[in-house]
Protein backbone atom coordinates (compact mmCIF):
# COMPACT_ATOMS: atom_id res chain seq x y z
CA PRO A 1 93.91 105.56 68.98
CA THR A 2 90.05 106.23 68.41
CA PRO A 3 88.18 103.69 66.35
CA GLN A 4 86.88 104.13 63.21
CA TRP A 5 83.10 104.13 62.60
CA SER A 6 80.71 104.41 59.81
CA PRO A 7 77.10 103.94 59.36
CA GLU A 8 77.81 101.43 56.80
CA ALA A 9 80.31 99.97 59.18
CA ALA A 10 77.67 100.39 61.66
CA VAL A 11 74.71 97.97 60.12
CA ALA A 12 77.08 95.29 59.70
CA PHE A 13 78.40 94.97 63.12
CA MET A 14 74.74 95.28 63.51
CA ASP A 15 73.83 92.21 61.20
CA TYR A 16 76.46 90.06 62.74
CA TYR A 17 75.32 90.02 65.81
CA GLY A 18 71.63 90.22 65.29
CA ILE A 19 70.97 93.34 66.65
CA GLN A 20 68.07 95.36 65.06
CA ALA A 21 68.67 98.87 65.92
CA GLN A 22 71.42 101.04 67.83
CA ALA A 23 70.91 103.60 70.11
CA LEU A 24 74.38 106.25 69.14
CA SER A 25 76.07 108.05 71.23
CA VAL A 26 79.31 110.40 71.50
CA SER A 27 81.70 108.92 74.06
CA ASP A 28 83.95 110.85 76.24
CA PRO A 29 85.47 113.65 75.40
CA GLY A 30 82.08 114.57 73.31
CA VAL A 31 82.84 117.94 72.42
CA SER A 32 84.61 119.49 75.33
CA PHE A 33 88.15 119.17 73.26
CA LEU A 34 86.03 122.65 71.85
CA ALA A 35 85.34 125.84 73.70
CA GLY A 36 82.65 128.25 72.66
CA LYS A 37 80.86 128.92 69.65
CA GLU A 38 83.12 125.82 67.99
CA ALA A 39 81.91 123.30 70.46
CA SER A 40 78.44 124.49 70.23
CA ASP A 41 78.80 124.33 66.34
CA MET A 42 79.91 120.69 66.65
CA ALA A 43 77.25 119.67 68.78
CA ARG A 44 74.67 121.11 66.32
CA TYR A 45 76.53 119.12 63.59
CA CYS A 46 76.67 115.96 65.53
CA ASN A 47 72.86 115.95 66.41
CA THR A 48 71.82 117.09 63.00
CA TYR A 49 74.01 114.42 61.50
CA ALA A 50 72.10 111.89 64.04
CA ALA A 51 68.78 112.85 63.61
CA ALA A 52 69.35 112.68 59.68
CA LEU A 53 70.64 109.25 60.15
CA PHE A 54 67.81 107.63 62.10
CA ARG A 55 65.32 109.52 59.70
CA SER A 56 67.13 107.49 56.70
CA ASN A 57 67.52 104.40 58.33
CA PRO A 58 64.41 104.62 61.29
CA THR A 59 64.85 100.97 61.85
CA ARG A 60 68.30 101.04 62.60
CA PHE A 61 69.30 103.95 64.53
CA GLY A 62 68.55 106.34 67.47
CA ALA A 63 70.68 108.46 68.57
CA PHE A 64 71.32 110.54 72.15
CA ALA A 65 72.26 114.42 72.21
CA VAL A 66 75.95 115.16 72.66
CA LEU A 67 75.73 118.92 74.56
CA PRO A 68 78.64 121.58 74.66
CA MET A 69 79.14 121.00 78.08
CA PRO A 70 80.66 122.40 80.74
CA ASP A 71 78.60 125.40 79.06
CA ILE A 72 75.18 125.27 80.72
CA ALA A 73 73.55 127.98 78.08
CA ALA A 74 74.47 126.66 75.57
CA SER A 75 73.79 123.18 76.99
CA ILE A 76 70.44 123.88 77.38
CA ALA A 77 69.68 125.17 73.89
CA GLU A 78 71.22 122.32 72.62
CA ALA A 79 69.32 119.83 74.66
CA ILE A 80 65.97 121.88 73.86
CA TYR A 81 66.94 121.40 70.09
CA ALA A 82 67.82 118.58 69.98
CA LEU A 83 64.45 116.57 71.92
CA ASP A 84 62.19 119.26 70.65
CA GLU A 85 63.33 120.08 66.98
CA LEU A 86 65.16 117.06 65.99
CA HIS A 87 63.17 114.40 68.33
CA LEU A 88 66.57 112.55 69.33
CA ASP A 89 65.96 110.21 72.08
CA GLY A 90 67.83 111.06 74.95
CA VAL A 91 71.03 112.84 75.98
CA ILE A 92 74.55 111.71 76.49
CA LEU A 93 76.47 113.74 79.73
CA LEU A 94 79.78 112.28 80.97
CA SER A 95 80.31 112.17 84.87
CA ALA A 96 82.65 114.95 84.77
CA TYR A 97 83.73 118.21 82.93
CA ASP A 98 86.71 119.77 84.02
CA GLY A 99 86.87 117.98 87.45
CA VAL A 100 83.23 119.27 88.16
CA TYR A 101 81.00 116.08 88.65
CA LEU A 102 77.21 115.74 88.19
CA GLY A 103 75.56 116.58 91.29
CA ASP A 104 77.44 120.20 91.30
CA PRO A 105 74.95 122.84 91.19
CA ARG A 106 76.38 124.43 88.20
CA PHE A 107 74.18 121.76 86.48
CA GLU A 108 71.04 122.50 88.18
CA PRO A 109 69.31 124.74 85.31
CA LEU A 110 70.24 122.13 82.43
CA MET A 111 68.67 119.87 84.93
CA ILE A 112 65.75 121.49 85.07
CA ALA A 113 65.44 121.78 81.34
CA LEU A 114 65.86 117.79 80.88
CA ASN A 115 63.25 117.08 83.50
CA GLN A 116 60.63 119.01 82.08
CA ARG A 117 61.16 116.59 79.37
CA ASN A 118 61.05 113.39 80.89
CA ALA A 119 64.33 113.04 79.05
CA TYR A 120 66.66 109.54 79.24
CA VAL A 121 70.14 110.59 79.94
CA PHE A 122 72.72 108.56 79.56
CA VAL A 123 75.53 109.04 81.70
CA HIS A 124 79.12 107.83 80.35
CA PRO A 125 82.49 108.08 82.72
CA ALA A 126 85.01 110.85 81.25
CA ALA A 127 88.85 110.24 81.33
CA ILE A 128 90.44 111.23 84.76
CA PRO A 129 93.11 113.56 84.39
CA ASP A 130 96.88 112.00 84.61
CA THR A 131 97.16 114.48 87.91
CA ALA A 132 94.37 113.18 89.42
CA LYS A 133 94.72 109.21 89.09
CA PRO A 134 97.40 106.48 89.94
CA LYS A 135 100.68 105.94 87.65
CA LEU A 136 99.80 102.85 86.62
CA PRO A 137 100.03 101.24 83.24
CA LEU A 138 96.35 100.40 82.78
CA PRO A 139 94.04 101.95 80.27
CA ASP A 140 91.53 103.96 82.08
CA PHE A 141 88.79 101.84 80.31
CA LEU A 142 89.51 98.62 82.56
CA GLU A 143 89.05 99.85 85.82
CA GLU A 144 89.02 104.06 86.27
CA PHE A 145 85.99 104.21 84.03
CA THR A 146 84.25 102.35 86.45
CA PHE A 147 85.16 104.49 89.48
CA ASP A 148 84.24 107.29 87.74
CA THR A 149 80.97 106.51 86.98
CA THR A 150 80.39 105.93 90.76
CA ARG A 151 81.85 109.31 91.35
CA ALA A 152 79.44 110.95 89.23
CA ALA A 153 76.22 108.77 90.55
CA THR A 154 76.95 108.84 94.17
CA MET A 155 77.42 112.76 93.87
CA MET A 156 74.09 113.14 92.46
CA MET A 157 72.64 111.12 95.00
CA VAL A 158 73.95 112.79 97.98
CA THR A 159 73.53 116.26 95.95
CA GLY A 160 69.39 115.67 95.93
CA MET A 161 69.76 115.61 92.51
CA THR A 162 67.81 112.49 91.79
CA GLN A 163 65.19 113.23 94.29
CA ARG A 164 64.77 117.04 93.02
CA TYR A 165 64.46 115.73 89.23
CA PRO A 166 62.53 112.34 89.61
CA ASP A 167 61.35 112.48 85.76
CA ILE A 168 64.91 111.92 84.19
CA ARG A 169 66.16 108.57 83.62
CA PHE A 170 69.30 108.20 84.33
CA GLN A 171 71.15 105.27 82.62
CA LEU A 172 74.92 104.59 84.42
CA ALA A 173 77.38 103.16 81.43
CA HIS A 174 78.99 99.72 82.58
CA ALA A 175 76.62 98.35 85.06
CA GLY A 176 76.51 101.51 87.01
CA GLY A 177 80.52 101.21 87.37
CA THR A 178 80.88 99.65 90.75
CA VAL A 179 77.88 101.61 92.34
CA PRO A 180 76.43 97.95 92.94
CA PHE A 181 78.90 96.72 94.78
CA LEU A 182 79.06 100.02 96.80
CA SER A 183 75.44 100.17 97.47
CA TRP A 184 75.55 99.44 100.84
CA ARG A 185 78.42 101.53 102.14
CA ILE A 186 76.97 104.50 99.87
CA SER A 187 73.88 104.10 101.93
CA VAL A 188 75.46 104.20 105.16
CA ALA A 189 77.09 107.57 105.04
CA SER A 190 74.71 109.34 106.56
CA GLN A 191 74.83 107.04 109.39
CA THR A 192 78.56 107.76 110.30
CA VAL A 193 80.03 110.99 111.10
CA ILE A 194 79.33 112.40 107.72
CA GLY A 195 76.33 112.87 108.56
CA GLU A 196 76.82 115.04 111.45
CA LEU A 197 78.72 117.07 109.15
CA TRP A 198 76.15 117.45 106.58
CA PRO A 199 75.49 120.53 105.13
CA GLN A 200 72.40 122.32 106.36
CA ASP A 201 71.22 123.40 102.38
CA LEU A 202 71.18 119.63 101.21
CA PRO A 203 68.45 116.83 102.04
CA LYS A 204 70.31 114.27 104.66
CA PRO A 205 69.85 111.22 102.74
CA SER A 206 68.62 107.99 104.74
CA VAL A 207 69.77 104.34 104.32
CA LEU A 208 66.01 103.32 102.49
CA ASP A 209 66.33 106.50 100.66
CA MET A 210 69.61 106.24 98.87
CA ARG A 211 69.02 102.45 98.11
CA ASN A 212 65.48 103.55 96.46
CA GLN A 213 67.55 105.81 94.51
CA ILE A 214 70.05 103.27 93.64
CA SER A 215 67.07 101.14 92.51
CA ARG A 216 65.93 103.77 90.16
CA PHE A 217 68.94 104.48 88.01
CA TYR A 218 69.05 102.08 84.90
CA TYR A 219 72.20 100.08 84.47
CA ASP A 220 73.52 98.56 80.85
CA THR A 221 75.46 95.76 80.22
CA ALA A 222 78.64 97.41 78.09
CA LEU A 223 81.53 95.01 78.79
CA SER A 224 79.84 94.14 82.00
CA GLY A 225 78.12 91.05 80.54
CA SER A 226 79.00 88.61 82.87
CA ALA A 227 77.17 86.54 85.60
CA ALA A 228 79.15 88.34 88.63
CA ALA A 229 78.35 92.03 86.99
CA MET A 230 74.57 91.62 86.42
CA SER A 231 74.18 89.40 90.03
CA GLY A 232 75.22 92.93 91.43
CA VAL A 233 73.30 94.90 89.50
CA LEU A 234 70.44 92.47 90.24
CA ALA A 235 70.95 92.59 94.01
CA VAL A 236 69.83 96.41 93.44
CA THR A 237 67.33 97.11 91.25
CA ASN A 238 64.73 94.95 89.20
CA ARG A 239 65.71 93.28 86.18
CA ASP A 240 63.55 95.63 84.16
CA HIS A 241 66.36 98.43 85.04
CA ILE A 242 68.56 96.44 83.30
CA VAL A 243 69.46 97.38 79.60
CA PHE A 244 71.65 96.24 76.63
CA GLY A 245 74.91 98.05 75.88
CA SER A 246 77.44 97.10 73.32
CA ASP A 247 79.95 99.97 73.54
CA TRP A 248 81.08 99.25 69.86
CA PRO A 249 83.18 100.47 68.27
CA PHE A 250 85.41 100.69 71.63
CA SER A 251 84.52 97.25 72.14
CA ALA A 252 85.19 95.43 68.74
CA LEU A 253 88.03 93.94 69.92
CA THR A 254 86.02 92.03 73.06
CA LEU A 255 83.33 90.91 70.93
CA PRO A 256 83.22 87.24 69.92
CA GLN A 257 84.69 87.33 66.69
CA SER A 258 84.26 83.83 65.52
CA GLY A 259 81.74 80.65 66.43
CA SER A 260 79.40 83.15 67.52
CA HIS A 261 77.14 85.74 66.84
CA ASP A 262 75.89 86.52 70.61
CA PRO A 263 77.64 89.83 71.10
CA ALA A 264 77.45 89.24 75.20
CA PRO A 265 77.32 85.11 75.91
CA GLY A 266 78.14 85.62 79.46
CA LEU A 267 74.50 86.91 79.84
CA SER A 268 73.37 83.59 79.31
CA ASP A 269 75.01 82.44 82.57
CA ILE A 270 72.47 84.65 84.23
CA PHE A 271 69.33 85.03 82.62
CA ASP A 272 67.54 82.44 79.95
CA ALA A 273 66.13 83.45 77.06
CA ASP A 274 63.28 85.33 77.93
CA GLN A 275 64.86 87.29 80.30
CA ARG A 276 67.44 88.02 77.74
CA MET A 277 64.69 89.16 75.16
CA GLU A 278 63.65 91.31 78.23
CA VAL A 279 67.15 92.51 78.82
CA GLU A 280 68.17 93.66 75.26
CA HIS A 281 64.89 94.16 73.36
CA HIS A 282 61.68 95.36 75.79
CA ASN A 283 63.57 97.42 78.29
CA PRO A 284 65.52 99.32 76.42
CA LEU A 285 62.56 99.86 73.61
CA ARG A 286 60.34 101.09 76.62
CA GLN A 287 62.23 103.95 77.26
CA LEU A 288 63.19 105.29 73.57
CA PRO A 289 59.55 105.73 72.37
CA ARG A 290 60.43 107.06 69.52
CA LEU A 291 63.26 104.55 68.08
CA ALA A 292 60.28 101.49 69.54
CA ALA A 293 57.52 103.15 67.45
CA ALA A 294 60.24 103.08 64.49
CA VAL A 295 61.25 99.49 64.87
CA ASN A 296 58.28 98.33 65.77
CA GLY A 297 56.08 100.22 62.97
């Protein structure tokens, strides 16, 4: 079941856990349960609503635009409107649409438009069709979501998308899925038989280049506020590429409910107070200048 959400509940959540502002986004499935004009209209409704929300509550809310994917033309139009006219703080994309992962050439025109705007793009995993995953009695968010984020990030790198569009800042949900843990395996792919079969029209990644691309992603702490997860991230990038994420309201049952107003106490197992301030405050605002101006205004 989808948890209930309202601006009032969001403010109450932030107040309880000492969160100054929250960048809102529409999680999986976005508006992809609709098609054609209905999807475009729903995306426009959501983005216009979000823009009105942060105008009426400028120090509490930011927002990432939802797009009517996988309709590329409509998504480009909506991204341009949301970023240029509504001044949303970025865009949210799912790891895959109808089984087609980010990195696929079909997404190139959208990436061009986002790169031109130096867009901040939050990559969130999508639910995997039942026909494409093992029959396990586990909800997707426990493991499958992390694997899908990894698939998307890997495809974006091996197809050269992250190289071609260096002005897009990609944030990977949930500490990058399994990207930090698999970083070495991913980076040596070009040295194996895979490298010999590499398509002629794609840049063949080197080990050093793959490490560089992995280090350029931004990684959030949502459902990953632990020393184990953050140690993995710190092994592949610098602390300035880690940003706080709450996953609220989906994470409501996992947050400390009594005795602590700390939304992620496990972060203190690896970060001291100054480092937590960097991860939870300075780093996110550095990437979202409109929201930073409102908060610091």
